[in-house]
């Protein structure tokens, strides 16, 4: 993951208690309908740019280090370039996407707008008959090739680990190893964020990934392994503080799996709210496999472990550029640049 201002971010996290990540839903609409997902629909209007700018300003007042744009499918937002450009003025900006809408022009526009990191979801090697899994390598290979050739932002791939993927998982990882992108594995969870899989087959995949693969992060290595072994480790979730989730209505919730528990507008959220949520257990921690919330909570839960793993990741280059970035034949790398902010149209 590219950290664009590491010293400033570190000081803000350590001494100001700021959020590490603020997830911002820009549209609930998606162009896919994956069977395990409960975070999309096919009819909701996109959040207007003016409303998103107001929410980004509120997040920036809280000094969040990274703003992660989510959906649905965020690339469906008609002014996603302007959303990124506005957010990138004061924070690092990332995005989670299924990648189906990416072409060379779109990739260039995202880089121009100031996107720092992209998380691309690929769940299976090939489509299944019931279309439970729709983000497949067979469909997305051309998109990966375009990203290798043209992306001026960091890319990492996320893969869901579930009963439908376990048999072909090793083959998928071998195929993904041909690309210079790091990979994170997410054990599938239910609508409330609770892990749905466990057992020796899943444990074995998890262990091989961390010993032989190119993991995105080692922060969740031990915790995820214990979940898949059937354990339910105790920990304190710092959602609402170190980790913010802002839904399409502008409400701060604990996470995508625990909506409806906070419901406070981000525009009214204060440092007092951050302090309150940082010191309170949520009651849903045991069995939770929303790993981004777990990672962000480590700063307060176990700073010594965090420092140890961070040094390991820094040594392996996980906080900077990839170890290698081959260019496809016929493509040249484009320089990274920033364009002026485009304010909302008045018409």
Foldseek 3Di string as FASTA:
>chain_A
DAQPDVVVLVCCCPPVLFAQEAEEEQEQDAPADAQLDDRHDHDTDGQDPVVLLLLLVLSVVSVHAEYEYEYNALVPPPPSLLSLLSNQVRHAYEYEHQQLPDDLVVLVSNLQSHHAEYEHEAAAQDADPVRNDDSHCVNCVVSLQSCLQEHPHAYAYEYEDDPVHLVCVVVVQVVCQVALHAYAYFQRDHLQQFHDAADDSVLVVLVCCVVPHRHLFCLCSVVVSCLNNVFFDDFAFQFQANYWYQYSVQFTASDSSGPPPGRHHSSPDDVVSNVVSLPDGDPPRGRGRPVVRVSSNCVVTPVPSVVVRVVVCVVVVSHHDGPDRDHDPPGHYDDRHYDDNDDDDPD
